[in-house]
Amino acid sequence: MKIAVFNARSYDKRYFDRYNRQHRHELHYVDTHLDEQTLVLADDAEVICVFVNDPVPKPLLKRMRERGIRMLALRSAGFNHVDIAAANELGILVANVPGYSPYAVAEHAVGMILALIRRLVRAQARVREGNFSLEGLMGFDLHGKTVGIVGTGKIGSVFARIMHGFGCELLGCDPVESEDCRTLGMRYVNFDTLCRNSDIISLHCPLLPDTRHLVNEKAISEMRDRVCLINTSRGGVIDTAAIIRGLKSGKIGYLGLDVYEEEEDLFFEDHSDSVISDDVFARLLTFNNVMVTGHQAYFTHEAISNITRATLENVGEFEKTGNCTNRLVAG
C-alpha cells in the first residue's frame, strides 16, 4: 500500500526504510505536519501515518475520507490526538502501536528521578566551570523511600520493578491491579492516600476524562512536603498552573516532565533561535528544581524499531484482511 508518512524526521525515514524491505509498501515521506492544507501532499496514498503531535479532528478526517484515505496508522501508543469516534463513523480504520518498549519510558522516569534528587545537572555545570564545591548539592537516598505509582500497566510495572530494586516501598493506584506489582510488595490505595504517603510520585496513566488534571490544586495540597513528582505519561494529567504554584510554595521539591499539556506547538521542533511565547512553559523553566525533556522518554533504538515494525505490520494486516488487531474503537 502507499503510505504517506507525515512529519517524517530523519530517524523516521531511516527506520521505515530499514524495516519496509520485507513489507514492500510504497513510502511517501512528508516533512511537514498533517492538517487540512497539507493533506494534499499525501498524493494518492491510501494510508496516512502520523505521530502524537499531529491532531486529527473530525473536519480533517472528513477531508481524508473524501480523498480516499482508508487507514490512519499511528506510530504511537497514544491516540488522544485523534477523533476516534469520527474516524469509526467515516469508515477510516485507526490503528496504534500499544506496546513498543515499556523499558524505554520507565528507565527515563528513573533517570529523571536520579538527576533531580542528586542534582546532577547542576553538579555537571559546576564542574565544567571548575567549581567543585558541594554546597547546595545534597541529595537523598532512594533506599527506604515510598514511591507512589499512578498506573501500573506495562510501563508502570517495569518502573515498579526498578524502584523495588532500589529498596523502595511501593504504593499503586490503578483500577486494574497488577499481580506482578503485588508480588513486589506493592500496596494498592486510592489516589488521595497515595499522595499523602509518597516521597516520590510517578505518573504512568493514560489521558482520559477521569485523569485530566488528576494532579491539581487539591492533590498537590495532599502531597508530602518537598515531594518529587515525575510525569512521563500525558501532559494533560497535570494542571500546570497548579504545579507552578506548588513549586513556588515549596510543596513540590522536584519536578520532572517529559510531557506538557500544551506541547503540540513546542516539542519535536527546534526553537533555539526564537522566543518561546508560552508564558506558562517559560515560567516552568525558571525553577532550578525542574527538569523538562521534550517527549523523549520513548526515544530509544529498541522502541523506534518496535514502533516502525508494528506500524508497517498494522498496514500489512489491513491490506490483507481489511481489519487490524490494533484497531481503535471509540468507547
Protein backbone atom coordinates (compact mmCIF):
# COMPACT_ATOMS: atom_id res chain seq x y z
CA MET A 1 0.00 0.00 0.00
CA LYS A 2 1.07 3.60 -0.46
CA ILE A 3 1.69 5.22 2.93
CA ALA A 4 2.09 8.98 3.37
CA VAL A 5 4.30 9.39 6.44
CA PHE A 6 3.71 12.92 7.75
CA ASN A 7 6.07 14.90 9.97
CA ALA A 8 8.81 12.45 8.96
CA ARG A 9 12.13 13.08 10.69
CA SER A 10 15.47 11.71 9.53
CA TYR A 11 15.26 8.87 12.05
CA ASP A 12 11.70 8.02 10.94
CA LYS A 13 12.88 7.68 7.34
CA ARG A 14 15.91 5.62 8.34
CA TYR A 15 13.92 3.11 10.39
CA PHE A 16 10.97 2.90 7.98
CA ASP A 17 13.30 2.28 5.05
CA ARG A 18 15.11 -0.44 7.00
CA TYR A 19 12.04 -2.39 8.13
CA ASN A 20 9.99 -1.85 4.97
CA ARG A 21 12.30 -4.12 2.97
CA GLN A 22 10.21 -7.15 3.91
CA HIS A 23 6.84 -5.39 3.56
CA ARG A 24 7.50 -3.52 0.32
CA HIS A 25 4.94 -0.79 0.94
CA GLU A 26 5.35 2.40 -1.06
CA LEU A 27 6.56 5.03 1.40
CA HIS A 28 5.92 8.69 0.65
CA TYR A 29 7.62 10.98 3.19
CA VAL A 30 6.16 14.40 4.02
CA ASP A 31 8.34 16.59 6.22
CA THR A 32 5.55 18.87 7.42
CA HIS A 33 2.71 18.34 9.89
CA LEU A 34 -0.63 16.98 8.74
CA ASP A 35 -3.53 19.44 8.55
CA GLU A 36 -6.30 20.36 6.10
CA GLN A 37 -3.90 22.41 3.99
CA THR A 38 -1.04 19.88 3.85
CA LEU A 39 -3.30 16.87 3.27
CA VAL A 40 -2.87 17.41 -0.47
CA LEU A 41 0.78 16.35 -0.06
CA ALA A 42 -0.41 12.80 0.62
CA ASP A 43 -0.94 12.49 -3.17
CA ASP A 44 -2.82 9.26 -3.89
CA ALA A 45 -1.86 7.43 -0.67
CA GLU A 46 -4.45 5.11 0.86
CA VAL A 47 -2.84 5.24 4.30
CA ILE A 48 -1.67 8.21 6.32
CA CYS A 49 0.83 7.74 9.13
CA VAL A 50 1.16 10.34 11.91
CA PHE A 51 2.80 10.81 15.30
CA VAL A 52 1.31 12.17 18.54
CA ASN A 53 1.91 15.83 17.68
CA ASP A 54 -0.41 15.85 14.66
CA PRO A 55 -4.03 16.44 15.77
CA VAL A 56 -6.59 14.68 13.59
CA PRO A 57 -10.05 16.19 14.33
CA LYS A 58 -13.31 15.36 12.58
CA PRO A 59 -13.09 18.03 9.81
CA LEU A 60 -9.67 16.70 8.78
CA LEU A 61 -10.94 13.12 8.86
CA LYS A 62 -13.79 14.12 6.55
CA ARG A 63 -11.30 15.60 4.09
CA MET A 64 -9.22 12.44 4.34
CA ARG A 65 -12.23 10.30 3.54
CA GLU A 66 -13.03 12.48 0.52
CA ARG A 67 -9.51 11.81 -0.77
CA GLY A 68 -9.95 8.06 -0.42
CA ILE A 69 -7.85 7.57 2.70
CA ARG A 70 -8.79 4.19 4.16
CA MET A 71 -6.46 3.94 7.17
CA LEU A 72 -4.78 6.18 9.73
CA ALA A 73 -1.69 4.43 11.07
CA LEU A 74 -0.44 5.94 14.34
CA ARG A 75 3.23 5.45 15.09
CA SER A 76 2.49 5.83 18.78
CA ALA A 77 0.60 4.21 21.63
CA GLY A 78 -1.23 7.43 22.49
CA PHE A 79 -4.31 8.30 20.45
CA ASN A 80 -6.00 11.18 22.28
CA HIS A 81 -4.97 13.47 19.38
CA VAL A 82 -7.38 11.64 17.05
CA ASP A 83 -11.19 11.82 16.99
CA ILE A 84 -11.65 8.05 17.08
CA ALA A 85 -15.45 8.23 17.09
CA ALA A 86 -15.44 10.35 13.93
CA ALA A 87 -12.98 8.01 12.23
CA ASN A 88 -15.18 4.99 13.06
CA GLU A 89 -18.22 6.83 11.73
CA LEU A 90 -16.44 7.74 8.49
CA GLY A 91 -15.08 4.25 7.93
CA ILE A 92 -11.41 5.15 8.38
CA LEU A 93 -9.60 2.45 10.32
CA VAL A 94 -7.28 3.82 13.02
CA ALA A 95 -4.55 1.59 14.46
CA ASN A 96 -1.91 2.35 17.06
CA VAL A 97 1.18 0.65 18.49
CA PRO A 98 0.06 -0.27 22.01
CA GLY A 99 3.29 -1.71 23.42
CA TYR A 100 6.60 -0.71 21.87
CA SER A 101 9.02 -0.63 24.83
CA PRO A 102 7.86 -0.14 28.41
CA TYR A 103 11.52 -0.20 29.44
CA ALA A 104 12.32 2.97 27.49
CA VAL A 105 9.76 5.13 29.30
CA ALA A 106 10.22 3.51 32.73
CA GLU A 107 14.00 3.89 32.61
CA HIS A 108 13.69 7.52 31.52
CA ALA A 109 11.47 8.21 34.53
CA VAL A 110 14.07 6.67 36.83
CA GLY A 111 16.80 8.70 35.15
CA MET A 112 14.86 11.90 35.81
CA ILE A 113 14.42 10.99 39.47
CA LEU A 114 18.15 10.38 39.94
CA ALA A 115 19.11 13.54 38.05
CA LEU A 116 16.76 15.63 40.18
CA ILE A 117 17.33 14.27 43.67
CA ARG A 118 21.13 14.10 43.22
CA ARG A 119 21.21 17.47 41.41
CA LEU A 120 23.30 16.02 38.60
CA VAL A 121 22.65 18.75 36.03
CA ARG A 122 23.76 21.50 38.41
CA ALA A 123 26.75 19.44 39.55
CA GLN A 124 27.92 18.84 35.97
CA ALA A 125 27.57 22.54 35.10
CA ARG A 126 29.67 23.48 38.15
CA VAL A 127 32.45 21.03 37.33
CA ARG A 128 32.66 22.36 33.77
CA GLU A 129 33.30 25.79 35.29
CA GLY A 130 35.96 24.41 37.63
CA ASN A 131 33.71 24.68 40.69
CA PHE A 132 33.93 21.55 42.82
CA SER A 133 32.03 22.88 45.82
CA LEU A 134 29.36 20.57 47.22
CA GLU A 135 27.29 23.39 48.69
CA GLY A 136 23.66 23.06 47.60
CA LEU A 137 24.12 19.63 46.02
CA MET A 138 22.99 17.37 48.86
CA GLY A 139 20.52 14.72 47.74
CA PHE A 140 18.80 11.81 49.47
CA ASP A 141 18.84 8.03 49.28
CA LEU A 142 16.17 6.24 47.29
CA HIS A 143 16.50 3.21 49.56
CA GLY A 144 13.64 3.10 52.04
CA LYS A 145 11.60 5.84 50.37
CA THR A 146 7.95 5.37 49.44
CA VAL A 147 7.22 5.57 45.73
CA GLY A 148 3.65 6.08 44.51
CA ILE A 149 2.94 4.79 41.02
CA VAL A 150 -0.19 6.02 39.26
CA GLY A 151 -0.94 3.50 36.53
CA THR A 152 0.56 0.02 36.85
CA GLY A 153 0.21 -1.25 33.30
CA LYS A 154 3.22 -2.33 31.26
CA ILE A 155 5.28 0.82 31.85
CA GLY A 156 4.23 1.28 35.48
CA SER A 157 5.04 -2.36 36.25
CA VAL A 158 8.55 -2.07 34.78
CA PHE A 159 9.07 1.14 36.74
CA ALA A 160 7.89 -0.63 39.91
CA ARG A 161 10.44 -3.43 39.42
CA ILE A 162 13.25 -0.90 39.05
CA MET A 163 12.24 1.06 42.14
CA HIS A 164 11.84 -2.19 44.10
CA GLY A 165 15.46 -2.89 43.17
CA PHE A 166 16.46 0.36 44.85
CA GLY A 167 14.79 -0.84 48.04
CA CYS A 168 11.75 1.42 47.85
CA GLU A 169 8.32 0.84 49.37
CA LEU A 170 5.68 0.75 46.62
CA LEU A 171 2.18 2.20 46.54
CA GLY A 172 -0.01 1.75 43.48
CA CYS A 173 -3.16 3.37 42.14
CA ASP A 174 -4.94 1.69 39.24
CA PRO A 175 -8.47 0.30 38.75
CA VAL A 176 -6.84 -2.86 37.35
CA GLU A 177 -4.33 -4.24 39.83
CA SER A 178 -1.16 -5.94 38.61
CA GLU A 179 -0.22 -9.30 40.08
CA ASP A 180 3.40 -8.63 39.14
CA CYS A 181 3.35 -5.45 41.22
CA ARG A 182 1.65 -7.20 44.13
CA THR A 183 4.43 -9.79 44.05
CA LEU A 184 6.90 -6.94 44.57
CA GLY A 185 5.03 -5.96 47.73
CA MET A 186 3.07 -3.09 46.20
CA ARG A 187 0.08 -1.95 48.23
CA TYR A 188 -2.83 -0.60 46.21
CA VAL A 189 -4.50 2.52 47.60
CA ASN A 190 -6.72 5.33 46.31
CA PHE A 191 -5.13 8.40 44.76
CA ASP A 192 -5.53 10.63 47.82
CA THR A 193 -3.83 8.06 50.06
CA LEU A 194 -1.02 7.68 47.54
CA CYS A 195 -0.47 11.46 47.51
CA ARG A 196 -0.37 11.67 51.30
CA ASN A 197 2.12 8.86 51.77
CA SER A 198 4.59 9.05 48.86
CA ASP A 199 8.02 10.67 48.80
CA ILE A 200 8.12 10.22 45.03
CA ILE A 201 5.10 10.08 42.68
CA SER A 202 5.45 8.84 39.10
CA LEU A 203 2.59 9.10 36.60
CA HIS A 204 2.10 6.28 34.09
CA CYS A 205 -1.63 6.53 33.35
CA PRO A 206 -3.43 7.31 30.08
CA LEU A 207 -5.14 10.65 29.47
CA LEU A 208 -8.85 10.05 29.93
CA PRO A 209 -11.70 12.29 31.12
CA ASP A 210 -11.17 10.92 34.65
CA THR A 211 -7.40 11.54 34.61
CA ARG A 212 -7.32 15.00 33.02
CA HIS A 213 -5.78 17.35 35.61
CA LEU A 214 -5.63 14.46 38.07
CA VAL A 215 -2.73 16.31 39.66
CA ASN A 216 -4.46 19.55 40.59
CA GLU A 217 -4.52 22.06 43.45
CA LYS A 218 -6.28 19.64 45.80
CA ALA A 219 -4.00 16.69 45.02
CA ILE A 220 -0.89 18.82 45.49
CA SER A 221 -2.13 20.06 48.87
CA GLU A 222 -2.40 16.42 49.99
CA MET A 223 1.17 15.57 48.97
CA ARG A 224 4.14 15.40 51.32
CA ASP A 225 6.28 18.50 51.54
CA ARG A 226 9.16 18.54 49.03
CA VAL A 227 7.64 15.66 47.06
CA CYS A 228 9.35 14.50 43.86
CA LEU A 229 6.81 14.38 41.01
CA ILE A 230 7.53 12.76 37.65
CA ASN A 231 5.30 12.73 34.56
CA THR A 232 6.19 10.62 31.53
CA SER A 233 2.57 9.79 30.64
CA ARG A 234 0.50 12.60 29.10
CA GLY A 235 0.78 16.32 29.72
CA GLY A 236 -2.91 16.81 30.42
CA VAL A 237 -2.74 14.59 33.51
CA ILE A 238 -1.18 17.59 35.28
CA ASP A 239 -2.69 21.03 35.84
CA THR A 240 0.42 23.07 35.00
CA ALA A 241 -0.75 26.27 36.67
CA ALA A 242 -1.32 24.37 39.93
CA ILE A 243 2.11 22.75 39.61
CA ILE A 244 3.77 26.15 39.31
CA ARG A 245 2.03 27.30 42.48
CA GLY A 246 3.22 24.11 44.18
CA LEU A 247 6.80 24.83 43.11
CA LYS A 248 6.61 28.43 44.32
CA SER A 249 5.28 27.36 47.73
CA GLY A 250 7.93 24.66 48.08
CA LYS A 251 5.34 21.90 48.31
CA ILE A 252 6.84 20.31 45.22
CA GLY A 253 10.56 19.86 45.79
CA TYR A 254 11.47 18.19 42.49
CA LEU A 255 9.59 18.07 39.19
CA GLY A 256 10.45 16.01 36.13
CA LEU A 257 8.34 16.41 32.99
CA ASP A 258 8.75 14.61 29.69
CA VAL A 259 5.32 15.79 28.56
CA TYR A 260 3.43 19.07 28.74
CA GLU A 261 -0.27 19.74 28.20
CA GLU A 262 0.39 22.41 25.56
CA GLU A 263 3.36 20.66 23.96
CA GLU A 264 1.83 20.46 20.50
CA ASP A 265 3.38 23.75 19.30
CA LEU A 266 6.66 23.26 21.17
CA PHE A 267 8.03 19.75 21.23
CA PHE A 268 9.85 17.96 18.38
CA GLU A 269 10.88 21.30 16.83
CA ASP A 270 14.00 23.49 17.14
CA HIS A 271 13.01 26.81 18.74
CA SER A 272 16.53 27.81 19.75
CA ASP A 273 16.51 30.89 17.51
CA SER A 274 13.12 32.16 18.64
CA VAL A 275 11.39 33.32 21.80
CA ILE A 276 9.10 30.81 23.49
CA SER A 277 5.71 32.55 23.58
CA ASP A 278 4.13 30.09 26.04
CA ASP A 279 4.40 32.04 29.30
CA VAL A 280 3.41 29.07 31.47
CA PHE A 281 6.09 26.83 29.97
CA ALA A 282 8.67 29.63 30.19
CA ARG A 283 7.85 30.02 33.88
CA LEU A 284 8.48 26.31 34.45
CA LEU A 285 11.98 26.66 33.04
CA THR A 286 12.91 29.31 35.64
CA PHE A 287 12.90 26.79 38.51
CA ASN A 288 16.24 25.09 39.23
CA ASN A 289 14.46 22.03 40.68
CA VAL A 290 12.59 21.32 37.44
CA MET A 291 13.80 19.07 34.63
CA VAL A 292 11.98 19.08 31.29
CA THR A 293 12.71 16.79 28.36
CA GLY A 294 10.87 17.12 25.06
CA HIS A 295 8.80 13.94 24.95
CA GLN A 296 11.88 11.78 24.51
CA ALA A 297 11.21 9.05 27.08
CA TYR A 298 10.16 6.66 24.31
CA PHE A 299 13.16 7.54 22.13
CA THR A 300 15.45 4.52 22.16
CA HIS A 301 16.70 2.31 19.35
CA GLU A 302 14.60 -0.58 20.63
CA ALA A 303 11.43 1.47 20.91
CA ILE A 304 11.72 3.13 17.49
CA SER A 305 12.47 -0.26 15.92
CA ASN A 306 9.36 -1.77 17.54
CA ILE A 307 7.17 1.21 16.63
CA THR A 308 8.25 1.13 12.99
CA ARG A 309 7.86 -2.63 12.61
CA ALA A 310 4.45 -2.64 14.31
CA THR A 311 3.19 0.29 12.20
CA LEU A 312 4.17 -1.47 8.98
CA GLU A 313 2.66 -4.72 10.24
CA ASN A 314 -0.60 -2.92 11.05
CA VAL A 315 -0.77 -1.65 7.47
CA GLY A 316 0.12 -5.07 6.09
CA GLU A 317 -2.62 -6.73 8.14
CA PHE A 318 -5.14 -4.15 6.95
CA GLU A 319 -4.09 -4.70 3.33
CA LYS A 320 -4.63 -8.47 3.63
CA THR A 321 -7.76 -8.62 5.79
CA GLY A 322 -9.38 -5.19 5.76
CA ASN A 323 -9.03 -5.12 9.53
CA CYS A 324 -6.29 -4.83 12.15
CA THR A 325 -5.63 -6.36 15.57
CA ASN A 326 -4.61 -2.95 16.91
CA ARG A 327 -7.72 -1.20 15.57
CA LEU A 328 -9.06 1.57 17.82
CA VAL A 329 -12.78 1.80 18.50
CA ALA A 330 -14.47 4.69 20.34
CA GLY A 331 -15.84 3.90 23.77
